Amino acid sequence: MKYFLNIGILCLLFSSCDFIKPSSDLNPIARVNESFLYKEDLKDVVPKGTSKEDSTLMANAYIDRWANRLLLMDGAMVNLSEEKQSDFSKLVEQYKNDLYTKAYLEGLVKKSIDSVVPRETAELFYEANKESFKLNDDLIQFRYISLPLNPINLDTIEKRFKRFKEKDKIYLDSISVQFKSYSLNDSLWVKLSRVVEKIPIINNTNKNELLKKTNFLQLKDSLNLYLMLVNDVRLQNDYAPLDYVNSSINKIVINKRKLELIKQLENDITTDAIKNNKYQIYN
C-alpha cells in the first residue's frame, strides 16, 4: 500500500508540472519558476456558497500546496541522481500501465461474469470446505419481545408468541407498537454475544439458558418483561450453518470466477494478438 501511495504522489508531482502552463490569454495568480497557476484553476477548489473569508483561506491553502509540490519536485529533479530519476520514471510508467490494464480487465469482467451462485453450488462448496466454517462464537436462532411490566393481554401474547403460526405472526406484528423492542425473525442466525449486548436482561448467569434448543424464557427486570424462545443453536466449534456463511461463500465463488475469467481474457487477448500478427516473438 505504501508503495502505491508513494508512486501516486510521484504521479501527482509529475502531472503538476504539465498541468500548469503559462498562457498569454490568462492572468496568473502565482508562479513557481516556469510554472503558472491561474484563477481558472481554482474554480473547483472553493464550494459554492462559501463565505468570502473562508474562500480566501481555502484558495491560499491550495496555492501554498501547489507551490510546495512544485518546489519539492524542482528540488528532487536537481538533487536526485539520474539513475534514481530513471528508476522513478519506470515505476510511474508501470503504475500507469497497472491502472489502465486493471480498469480495462475489470470492465471486461463486469460485462461477462456470472454473479449468480445457485444454492447447489454453494452447498457443494460448503461441503468441500466444511472445516473452514467452524464457529468461533455461539449462534442462536430466536425471537423475543420486550414489554412493559404487567401488560393487560399477556396471556394472549405469550400463547401466540409460543405457537407462532402465520396468524400469530400477523397478530404480534399488528400490536408491535406496544413492545419496547422485539425481533420476530427467528430464521436469522445471530451471535450470542451480540444478543447479550442488545438485550440488557441477558447476563453471564442466564445466557446459557439461550443455548438450549426450543427453550422458552420469561424474564423481567425493574422496567420490562422479556419473552424469548430459542429456535435453534450452534455452539462454538460446531460447523456454521450454510445460511450463516452463504454470503461469504457467494463472494468466494464469484471472486474465483473473476480470477479464472481474468486469466482466460488475458490468454484470449494474447492469442488474438498472435493470430492478427500484432504480437510476435523473434528467435
C-alpha atoms as a PDB file:
ATOM      1  CA  MET A   1       0.000   0.000   0.000  1.00  0.00           C
ATOM      2  CA  LYS A   2       2.862   2.361   0.899  1.00  0.00           C
ATOM      3  CA  TYR A   3       4.489   1.564  -2.436  1.00  0.00           C
ATOM      4  CA  PHE A   4       1.388   2.624  -4.407  1.00  0.00           C
ATOM      5  CA  LEU A   5       0.938   5.732  -2.226  1.00  0.00           C
ATOM      6  CA  ASN A   6       4.480   6.845  -2.974  1.00  0.00           C
ATOM      7  CA  ILE A   7       4.025   6.215  -6.691  1.00  0.00           C
ATOM      8  CA  GLY A   8       0.709   8.102  -6.598  1.00  0.00           C
ATOM      9  CA  ILE A   9       2.440  11.119  -5.072  1.00  0.00           C
ATOM     10  CA  LEU A  10       5.094  10.964  -7.778  1.00  0.00           C
ATOM     11  CA  CYS A  11       2.380  10.857 -10.453  1.00  0.00           C
ATOM     12  CA  LEU A  12       0.775  13.927  -8.917  1.00  0.00           C
ATOM     13  CA  LEU A  13       4.087  15.771  -8.837  1.00  0.00           C
ATOM     14  CA  PHE A  14       4.877  14.949 -12.450  1.00  0.00           C
ATOM     15  CA  SER A  15       1.393  15.875 -13.627  1.00  0.00           C
ATOM     16  CA  SER A  16       1.523  19.178 -11.752  1.00  0.00           C
ATOM     17  CA  CYS A  17       4.378  20.319 -13.957  1.00  0.00           C
ATOM     18  CA  ASP A  18       2.486  19.584 -17.173  1.00  0.00           C
ATOM     19  CA  PHE A  19      -0.904  20.713 -15.962  1.00  0.00           C
ATOM     20  CA  ILE A  20       0.179  24.338 -15.239  1.00  0.00           C
ATOM     21  CA  LYS A  21       1.441  26.188 -18.305  1.00  0.00           C
ATOM     22  CA  PRO A  22       1.844  29.910 -18.981  1.00  0.00           C
ATOM     23  CA  SER A  23      -0.819  31.364 -21.237  1.00  0.00           C
ATOM     24  CA  SER A  24      -0.853  34.762 -22.847  1.00  0.00           C
ATOM     25  CA  ASP A  25      -4.670  34.783 -22.648  1.00  0.00           C
ATOM     26  CA  LEU A  26      -4.864  34.467 -18.859  1.00  0.00           C
ATOM     27  CA  ASN A  27      -3.566  36.393 -15.879  1.00  0.00           C
ATOM     28  CA  PRO A  28      -1.557  34.191 -13.496  1.00  0.00           C
ATOM     29  CA  ILE A  29      -2.132  34.382  -9.733  1.00  0.00           C
ATOM     30  CA  ALA A  30       1.067  32.535  -8.746  1.00  0.00           C
ATOM     31  CA  ARG A  31       4.320  31.337 -10.274  1.00  0.00           C
ATOM     32  CA  VAL A  32       6.936  28.764  -9.369  1.00  0.00           C
ATOM     33  CA  ASN A  33       9.892  29.067 -11.740  1.00  0.00           C
ATOM     34  CA  GLU A  34       8.384  28.402 -15.198  1.00  0.00           C
ATOM     35  CA  SER A  35       5.040  27.060 -13.955  1.00  0.00           C
ATOM     36  CA  PHE A  36       1.994  29.306 -13.535  1.00  0.00           C
ATOM     37  CA  LEU A  37      -1.284  28.980 -11.634  1.00  0.00           C
ATOM     38  CA  TYR A  38      -4.350  30.785 -12.967  1.00  0.00           C
ATOM     39  CA  LYS A  39      -7.606  31.914 -11.415  1.00  0.00           C
ATOM     40  CA  GLU A  40      -9.476  29.381 -13.562  1.00  0.00           C
ATOM     41  CA  ASP A  41      -7.532  26.583 -11.880  1.00  0.00           C
ATOM     42  CA  LEU A  42      -9.232  27.449  -8.581  1.00  0.00           C
ATOM     43  CA  LYS A  43     -12.824  27.265  -9.851  1.00  0.00           C
ATOM     44  CA  ASP A  44     -13.464  23.816  -8.311  1.00  0.00           C
ATOM     45  CA  VAL A  45     -11.445  24.418  -5.149  1.00  0.00           C
ATOM     46  CA  VAL A  46     -13.961  26.585  -3.272  1.00  0.00           C
ATOM     47  CA  PRO A  47     -17.547  25.223  -2.965  1.00  0.00           C
ATOM     48  CA  LYS A  48     -20.403  27.497  -3.951  1.00  0.00           C
ATOM     49  CA  GLY A  49     -21.896  29.441  -1.066  1.00  0.00           C
ATOM     50  CA  THR A  50     -18.608  29.664   0.848  1.00  0.00           C
ATOM     51  CA  SER A  51     -18.089  32.977   2.625  1.00  0.00           C
ATOM     52  CA  LYS A  52     -15.531  35.428   1.250  1.00  0.00           C
ATOM     53  CA  GLU A  53     -13.275  34.950   4.259  1.00  0.00           C
ATOM     54  CA  ASP A  54     -13.338  31.142   4.037  1.00  0.00           C
ATOM     55  CA  SER A  55     -12.915  31.288   0.250  1.00  0.00           C
ATOM     56  CA  THR A  56      -9.739  33.311   0.676  1.00  0.00           C
ATOM     57  CA  LEU A  57      -8.369  30.861   3.256  1.00  0.00           C
ATOM     58  CA  MET A  58      -9.139  27.835   1.075  1.00  0.00           C
ATOM     59  CA  ALA A  59      -7.680  29.449  -2.050  1.00  0.00           C
ATOM     60  CA  ASN A  60      -4.492  30.485  -0.247  1.00  0.00           C
ATOM     61  CA  ALA A  61      -4.103  26.984   1.205  1.00  0.00           C
ATOM     62  CA  TYR A  62      -4.481  25.479  -2.276  1.00  0.00           C
ATOM     63  CA  ILE A  63      -1.922  27.888  -3.750  1.00  0.00           C
ATOM     64  CA  ASP A  64       0.545  27.069  -0.978  1.00  0.00           C
ATOM     65  CA  ARG A  65       0.131  23.338  -1.565  1.00  0.00           C
ATOM     66  CA  TRP A  66       0.540  23.812  -5.320  1.00  0.00           C
ATOM     67  CA  ALA A  67       3.718  25.815  -4.845  1.00  0.00           C
ATOM     68  CA  ASN A  68       5.098  23.423  -2.251  1.00  0.00           C
ATOM     69  CA  ARG A  69       4.661  20.423  -4.556  1.00  0.00           C
ATOM     70  CA  LEU A  70       6.368  22.142  -7.453  1.00  0.00           C
ATOM     71  CA  LEU A  71       9.220  23.384  -5.296  1.00  0.00           C
ATOM     72  CA  LEU A  72       9.726  19.915  -3.905  1.00  0.00           C
ATOM     73  CA  MET A  73       9.633  18.495  -7.409  1.00  0.00           C
ATOM     74  CA  ASP A  74      12.187  21.009  -8.641  1.00  0.00           C
ATOM     75  CA  GLY A  75      14.396  20.175  -5.676  1.00  0.00           C
ATOM     76  CA  ALA A  76      14.049  16.476  -6.396  1.00  0.00           C
ATOM     77  CA  MET A  77      14.990  16.921 -10.054  1.00  0.00           C
ATOM     78  CA  VAL A  78      18.116  18.844  -9.044  1.00  0.00           C
ATOM     79  CA  ASN A  79      19.226  16.634  -6.175  1.00  0.00           C
ATOM     80  CA  LEU A  80      18.217  13.140  -7.194  1.00  0.00           C
ATOM     81  CA  SER A  81      20.665  11.216  -9.336  1.00  0.00           C
ATOM     82  CA  GLU A  82      19.795  10.438 -12.944  1.00  0.00           C
ATOM     83  CA  GLU A  83      19.721   6.771 -12.023  1.00  0.00           C
ATOM     84  CA  LYS A  84      17.168   7.399  -9.267  1.00  0.00           C
ATOM     85  CA  GLN A  85      15.070   9.612 -11.560  1.00  0.00           C
ATOM     86  CA  SER A  86      15.153   6.893 -14.208  1.00  0.00           C
ATOM     87  CA  ASP A  87      14.034   4.297 -11.635  1.00  0.00           C
ATOM     88  CA  PHE A  88      11.142   6.530 -10.530  1.00  0.00           C
ATOM     89  CA  SER A  89      10.100   7.175 -14.126  1.00  0.00           C
ATOM     90  CA  LYS A  90       9.907   3.426 -14.722  1.00  0.00           C
ATOM     91  CA  LEU A  91       7.845   2.994 -11.559  1.00  0.00           C
ATOM     92  CA  VAL A  92       5.478   5.786 -12.612  1.00  0.00           C
ATOM     93  CA  GLU A  93       5.084   4.229 -16.057  1.00  0.00           C
ATOM     94  CA  GLN A  94       4.470   0.791 -14.518  1.00  0.00           C
ATOM     95  CA  TYR A  95       1.898   2.244 -12.119  1.00  0.00           C
ATOM     96  CA  LYS A  96       0.136   3.938 -15.035  1.00  0.00           C
ATOM     97  CA  ASN A  97       0.096   0.668 -17.011  1.00  0.00           C
ATOM     98  CA  ASP A  98      -1.242  -1.227 -13.989  1.00  0.00           C
ATOM     99  CA  LEU A  99      -4.073   1.297 -13.526  1.00  0.00           C
ATOM    100  CA  TYR A 100      -5.111   1.140 -17.177  1.00  0.00           C
ATOM    101  CA  THR A 101      -4.931  -2.639 -17.510  1.00  0.00           C
ATOM    102  CA  LYS A 102      -6.746  -3.187 -14.200  1.00  0.00           C
ATOM    103  CA  ALA A 103      -9.573  -0.852 -15.238  1.00  0.00           C
ATOM    104  CA  TYR A 104      -9.797  -2.499 -18.667  1.00  0.00           C
ATOM    105  CA  LEU A 105      -9.910  -6.047 -17.286  1.00  0.00           C
ATOM    106  CA  GLU A 106     -12.434  -5.100 -14.588  1.00  0.00           C
ATOM    107  CA  GLY A 107     -14.670  -3.598 -17.270  1.00  0.00           C
ATOM    108  CA  LEU A 108     -14.485  -6.797 -19.336  1.00  0.00           C
ATOM    109  CA  VAL A 109     -15.124  -8.958 -16.276  1.00  0.00           C
ATOM    110  CA  LYS A 110     -18.118  -6.861 -15.208  1.00  0.00           C
ATOM    111  CA  LYS A 111     -19.740  -7.430 -18.601  1.00  0.00           C
ATOM    112  CA  SER A 112     -19.087 -11.165 -18.699  1.00  0.00           C
ATOM    113  CA  ILE A 113     -19.081 -12.588 -15.171  1.00  0.00           C
ATOM    114  CA  ASP A 114     -21.979 -14.637 -13.855  1.00  0.00           C
ATOM    115  CA  SER A 115     -22.735 -13.156 -10.428  1.00  0.00           C
ATOM    116  CA  VAL A 116     -25.486 -15.656  -9.550  1.00  0.00           C
ATOM    117  CA  VAL A 117     -24.435 -18.507  -7.253  1.00  0.00           C
ATOM    118  CA  PRO A 118     -27.071 -21.284  -7.243  1.00  0.00           C
ATOM    119  CA  ARG A 119     -27.891 -22.892  -3.919  1.00  0.00           C
ATOM    120  CA  GLU A 120     -26.487 -26.244  -5.068  1.00  0.00           C
ATOM    121  CA  THR A 121     -23.159 -24.577  -5.962  1.00  0.00           C
ATOM    122  CA  ALA A 122     -22.970 -23.009  -2.503  1.00  0.00           C
ATOM    123  CA  GLU A 123     -23.799 -26.369  -0.913  1.00  0.00           C
ATOM    124  CA  LEU A 124     -21.062 -28.161  -2.858  1.00  0.00           C
ATOM    125  CA  PHE A 125     -18.508 -25.523  -1.891  1.00  0.00           C
ATOM    126  CA  TYR A 126     -19.658 -25.681   1.734  1.00  0.00           C
ATOM    127  CA  GLU A 127     -19.309 -29.468   1.924  1.00  0.00           C
ATOM    128  CA  ALA A 128     -15.913 -29.427   0.203  1.00  0.00           C
ATOM    129  CA  ASN A 129     -14.576 -26.771   2.595  1.00  0.00           C
ATOM    130  CA  LYS A 130     -16.547 -27.558   5.743  1.00  0.00           C
ATOM    131  CA  GLU A 131     -13.545 -27.486   8.060  1.00  0.00           C
ATOM    132  CA  SER A 132     -13.075 -23.824   7.161  1.00  0.00           C
ATOM    133  CA  PHE A 133     -16.501 -22.999   8.542  1.00  0.00           C
ATOM    134  CA  LYS A 134     -16.092 -23.933  12.189  1.00  0.00           C
ATOM    135  CA  LEU A 135     -17.569 -21.339  14.520  1.00  0.00           C
ATOM    136  CA  ASN A 136     -15.617 -19.085  16.852  1.00  0.00           C
ATOM    137  CA  ASP A 137     -18.841 -17.970  18.557  1.00  0.00           C
ATOM    138  CA  ASP A 138     -22.095 -19.488  19.764  1.00  0.00           C
ATOM    139  CA  LEU A 139     -25.007 -18.832  17.391  1.00  0.00           C
ATOM    140  CA  ILE A 140     -28.729 -18.889  18.032  1.00  0.00           C
ATOM    141  CA  GLN A 141     -31.941 -18.524  16.097  1.00  0.00           C
ATOM    142  CA  PHE A 142     -34.502 -16.946  18.404  1.00  0.00           C
ATOM    143  CA  ARG A 143     -37.331 -14.484  18.733  1.00  0.00           C
ATOM    144  CA  TYR A 144     -38.018 -12.096  21.569  1.00  0.00           C
ATOM    145  CA  ILE A 145     -40.376  -9.382  22.782  1.00  0.00           C
ATOM    146  CA  SER A 146     -39.752  -6.737  25.395  1.00  0.00           C
ATOM    147  CA  LEU A 147     -42.936  -5.480  27.087  1.00  0.00           C
ATOM    148  CA  PRO A 148     -43.828  -3.098  29.906  1.00  0.00           C
ATOM    149  CA  LEU A 149     -44.397  -4.900  33.195  1.00  0.00           C
ATOM    150  CA  ASN A 150     -47.880  -6.399  33.745  1.00  0.00           C
ATOM    151  CA  PRO A 151     -49.358  -5.947  30.243  1.00  0.00           C
ATOM    152  CA  ILE A 152     -53.117  -6.468  30.091  1.00  0.00           C
ATOM    153  CA  ASN A 153     -53.103  -9.105  27.332  1.00  0.00           C
ATOM    154  CA  LEU A 154     -50.013 -11.038  28.434  1.00  0.00           C
ATOM    155  CA  ASP A 155     -51.673 -14.476  28.254  1.00  0.00           C
ATOM    156  CA  THR A 156     -52.717 -13.932  24.642  1.00  0.00           C
ATOM    157  CA  ILE A 157     -49.343 -12.523  23.661  1.00  0.00           C
ATOM    158  CA  GLU A 158     -47.474 -15.398  25.322  1.00  0.00           C
ATOM    159  CA  LYS A 159     -49.729 -18.023  23.729  1.00  0.00           C
ATOM    160  CA  ARG A 160     -49.341 -16.598  20.246  1.00  0.00           C
ATOM    161  CA  PHE A 161     -45.614 -15.990  20.775  1.00  0.00           C
ATOM    162  CA  LYS A 162     -45.076 -19.660  21.636  1.00  0.00           C
ATOM    163  CA  ARG A 163     -47.359 -21.111  18.948  1.00  0.00           C
ATOM    164  CA  PHE A 164     -46.119 -18.707  16.287  1.00  0.00           C
ATOM    165  CA  LYS A 165     -48.224 -19.800  13.342  1.00  0.00           C
ATOM    166  CA  GLU A 166     -48.811 -17.396  10.464  1.00  0.00           C
ATOM    167  CA  LYS A 167     -51.913 -15.864  12.064  1.00  0.00           C
ATOM    168  CA  ASP A 168     -49.957 -15.412  15.314  1.00  0.00           C
ATOM    169  CA  LYS A 169     -47.151 -13.610  13.479  1.00  0.00           C
ATOM    170  CA  ILE A 170     -49.696 -11.260  11.917  1.00  0.00           C
ATOM    171  CA  TYR A 171     -51.278 -10.600  15.310  1.00  0.00           C
ATOM    172  CA  LEU A 172     -47.957  -9.901  17.047  1.00  0.00           C
ATOM    173  CA  ASP A 173     -46.881  -7.618  14.238  1.00  0.00           C
ATOM    174  CA  SER A 174     -50.175  -5.716  14.480  1.00  0.00           C
ATOM    175  CA  ILE A 175     -49.647  -4.937  18.185  1.00  0.00           C
ATOM    176  CA  SER A 176     -45.880  -4.358  17.959  1.00  0.00           C
ATOM    177  CA  VAL A 177     -46.400  -0.694  18.825  1.00  0.00           C
ATOM    178  CA  GLN A 178     -46.898  -1.931  22.403  1.00  0.00           C
ATOM    179  CA  PHE A 179     -43.457  -3.544  22.530  1.00  0.00           C
ATOM    180  CA  LYS A 180     -40.399  -1.783  23.901  1.00  0.00           C
ATOM    181  CA  SER A 181     -38.296  -3.774  21.437  1.00  0.00           C
ATOM    182  CA  TYR A 182     -38.678  -7.018  19.540  1.00  0.00           C
ATOM    183  CA  SER A 183     -37.332  -9.353  16.890  1.00  0.00           C
ATOM    184  CA  LEU A 184     -39.652 -11.952  15.372  1.00  0.00           C
ATOM    185  CA  ASN A 185     -37.355 -13.197  12.603  1.00  0.00           C
ATOM    186  CA  ASP A 186     -36.265 -16.479  14.188  1.00  0.00           C
ATOM    187  CA  SER A 187     -34.769 -17.822  10.953  1.00  0.00           C
ATOM    188  CA  LEU A 188     -31.851 -15.404  11.282  1.00  0.00           C
ATOM    189  CA  TRP A 189     -28.651 -16.689  12.910  1.00  0.00           C
ATOM    190  CA  VAL A 190     -27.087 -14.228  15.368  1.00  0.00           C
ATOM    191  CA  LYS A 191     -24.092 -14.387  17.678  1.00  0.00           C
ATOM    192  CA  LEU A 192     -24.976 -14.969  21.308  1.00  0.00           C
ATOM    193  CA  SER A 193     -22.503 -12.240  22.279  1.00  0.00           C
ATOM    194  CA  ARG A 194     -24.477  -9.751  20.185  1.00  0.00           C
ATOM    195  CA  VAL A 195     -27.727 -10.805  21.872  1.00  0.00           C
ATOM    196  CA  VAL A 196     -26.107 -10.220  25.272  1.00  0.00           C
ATOM    197  CA  GLU A 197     -25.073  -6.735  24.145  1.00  0.00           C
ATOM    198  CA  LYS A 198     -28.524  -5.795  22.825  1.00  0.00           C
ATOM    199  CA  ILE A 199     -30.827  -7.250  25.497  1.00  0.00           C
ATOM    200  CA  PRO A 200     -29.958  -5.924  28.965  1.00  0.00           C
ATOM    201  CA  ILE A 201     -31.697  -8.730  30.892  1.00  0.00           C
ATOM    202  CA  ILE A 202     -29.268 -11.305  29.433  1.00  0.00           C
ATOM    203  CA  ASN A 203     -26.130 -11.675  31.518  1.00  0.00           C
ATOM    204  CA  ASN A 204     -23.376 -14.195  32.211  1.00  0.00           C
ATOM    205  CA  THR A 205     -25.617 -16.008  34.685  1.00  0.00           C
ATOM    206  CA  ASN A 206     -28.585 -16.709  32.422  1.00  0.00           C
ATOM    207  CA  LYS A 207     -27.130 -16.510  28.908  1.00  0.00           C
ATOM    208  CA  ASN A 208     -26.510 -20.280  28.787  1.00  0.00           C
ATOM    209  CA  GLU A 209     -30.275 -20.764  29.021  1.00  0.00           C
ATOM    210  CA  LEU A 210     -30.427 -19.415  25.475  1.00  0.00           C
ATOM    211  CA  LEU A 211     -28.185 -22.238  24.288  1.00  0.00           C
ATOM    212  CA  LYS A 212     -30.923 -24.806  24.861  1.00  0.00           C
ATOM    213  CA  LYS A 213     -32.902 -25.608  21.741  1.00  0.00           C
ATOM    214  CA  THR A 214     -36.630 -24.871  21.779  1.00  0.00           C
ATOM    215  CA  ASN A 215     -36.247 -23.214  25.169  1.00  0.00           C
ATOM    216  CA  PHE A 216     -38.802 -20.593  26.277  1.00  0.00           C
ATOM    217  CA  LEU A 217     -37.651 -17.916  28.705  1.00  0.00           C
ATOM    218  CA  GLN A 218     -39.668 -15.310  30.552  1.00  0.00           C
ATOM    219  CA  LEU A 219     -37.501 -12.813  32.416  1.00  0.00           C
ATOM    220  CA  LYS A 220     -38.108  -9.424  33.926  1.00  0.00           C
ATOM    221  CA  ASP A 221     -36.226  -6.546  35.455  1.00  0.00           C
ATOM    222  CA  SER A 222     -37.486  -3.414  37.211  1.00  0.00           C
ATOM    223  CA  LEU A 223     -38.871  -1.952  33.975  1.00  0.00           C
ATOM    224  CA  ASN A 224     -39.595  -4.619  31.405  1.00  0.00           C
ATOM    225  CA  LEU A 225     -40.826  -8.138  30.807  1.00  0.00           C
ATOM    226  CA  TYR A 226     -38.962 -10.242  28.242  1.00  0.00           C
ATOM    227  CA  LEU A 227     -40.317 -13.204  26.288  1.00  0.00           C
ATOM    228  CA  MET A 228     -37.729 -15.287  24.436  1.00  0.00           C
ATOM    229  CA  LEU A 229     -37.931 -18.512  22.523  1.00  0.00           C
ATOM    230  CA  VAL A 230     -34.917 -20.273  21.019  1.00  0.00           C
ATOM    231  CA  ASN A 231     -35.496 -21.937  17.674  1.00  0.00           C
ATOM    232  CA  ASP A 232     -32.044 -23.483  17.090  1.00  0.00           C
ATOM    233  CA  VAL A 233     -28.473 -23.349  18.367  1.00  0.00           C
ATOM    234  CA  ARG A 234     -24.950 -23.832  17.013  1.00  0.00           C
ATOM    235  CA  LEU A 235     -22.186 -23.956  19.602  1.00  0.00           C
ATOM    236  CA  GLN A 236     -18.628 -22.757  19.290  1.00  0.00           C
ATOM    237  CA  ASN A 237     -16.510 -25.226  17.219  1.00  0.00           C
ATOM    238  CA  ASP A 238     -19.661 -26.589  15.563  1.00  0.00           C
ATOM    239  CA  TYR A 239     -19.892 -26.168  11.811  1.00  0.00           C
ATOM    240  CA  ALA A 240     -21.531 -22.885  10.856  1.00  0.00           C
ATOM    241  CA  PRO A 241     -24.960 -23.263   9.244  1.00  0.00           C
ATOM    242  CA  LEU A 242     -24.899 -22.786   5.487  1.00  0.00           C
ATOM    243  CA  ASP A 243     -27.340 -19.888   5.725  1.00  0.00           C
ATOM    244  CA  TYR A 244     -24.963 -18.081   8.076  1.00  0.00           C
ATOM    245  CA  VAL A 245     -21.955 -18.339   5.744  1.00  0.00           C
ATOM    246  CA  ASN A 246     -23.821 -18.277   2.432  1.00  0.00           C
ATOM    247  CA  SER A 247     -22.973 -14.636   1.755  1.00  0.00           C
ATOM    248  CA  SER A 248     -19.255 -15.310   2.320  1.00  0.00           C
ATOM    249  CA  ILE A 249     -19.400 -18.390   0.096  1.00  0.00           C
ATOM    250  CA  ASN A 250     -21.035 -16.369  -2.689  1.00  0.00           C
ATOM    251  CA  LYS A 251     -18.226 -13.804  -2.523  1.00  0.00           C
ATOM    252  CA  ILE A 252     -15.562 -16.525  -2.605  1.00  0.00           C
ATOM    253  CA  VAL A 253     -17.177 -18.318  -5.563  1.00  0.00           C
ATOM    254  CA  ILE A 254     -17.655 -15.090  -7.532  1.00  0.00           C
ATOM    255  CA  ASN A 255     -14.088 -13.977  -6.807  1.00  0.00           C
ATOM    256  CA  LYS A 256     -12.820 -17.374  -8.001  1.00  0.00           C
ATOM    257  CA  ARG A 257     -14.848 -16.956 -11.190  1.00  0.00           C
ATOM    258  CA  LYS A 258     -13.396 -13.462 -11.571  1.00  0.00           C
ATOM    259  CA  LEU A 259      -9.798 -14.696 -11.312  1.00  0.00           C
ATOM    260  CA  GLU A 260     -10.472 -17.532 -13.771  1.00  0.00           C
ATOM    261  CA  LEU A 261     -12.163 -15.120 -16.188  1.00  0.00           C
ATOM    262  CA  ILE A 262      -9.273 -12.653 -15.995  1.00  0.00           C
ATOM    263  CA  LYS A 263      -6.820 -15.456 -16.773  1.00  0.00           C
ATOM    264  CA  GLN A 264      -8.974 -16.558 -19.714  1.00  0.00           C
ATOM    265  CA  LEU A 265      -9.282 -12.984 -21.016  1.00  0.00           C
ATOM    266  CA  GLU A 266      -5.522 -12.494 -20.826  1.00  0.00           C
ATOM    267  CA  ASN A 267      -4.975 -15.727 -22.753  1.00  0.00           C
ATOM    268  CA  ASP A 268      -7.597 -14.781 -25.354  1.00  0.00           C
ATOM    269  CA  ILE A 269      -6.088 -11.312 -25.842  1.00  0.00           C
ATOM    270  CA  THR A 270      -2.637 -12.810 -26.365  1.00  0.00           C
ATOM    271  CA  THR A 271      -3.963 -15.495 -28.730  1.00  0.00           C
ATOM    272  CA  ASP A 272      -5.875 -12.921 -30.802  1.00  0.00           C
ATOM    273  CA  ALA A 273      -2.805 -10.701 -30.982  1.00  0.00           C
ATOM    274  CA  ILE A 274      -0.694 -13.586 -32.299  1.00  0.00           C
ATOM    275  CA  LYS A 275      -3.425 -14.567 -34.770  1.00  0.00           C
ATOM    276  CA  ASN A 276      -3.696 -10.985 -36.084  1.00  0.00           C
ATOM    277  CA  ASN A 277       0.070 -10.598 -36.292  1.00  0.00           C
ATOM    278  CA  LYS A 278       0.124  -7.925 -33.548  1.00  0.00           C
ATOM    279  CA  TYR A 279       2.367  -9.974 -31.267  1.00  0.00           C
ATOM    280  CA  GLN A 280       5.488 -11.835 -32.352  1.00  0.00           C
ATOM    281  CA  ILE A 281       8.409 -13.430 -30.573  1.00  0.00           C
ATOM    282  CA  TYR A 282      11.635 -13.453 -32.562  1.00  0.00           C
ATOM    283  CA  ASN A 283      14.070 -16.351 -32.272  1.00  0.00           C
END
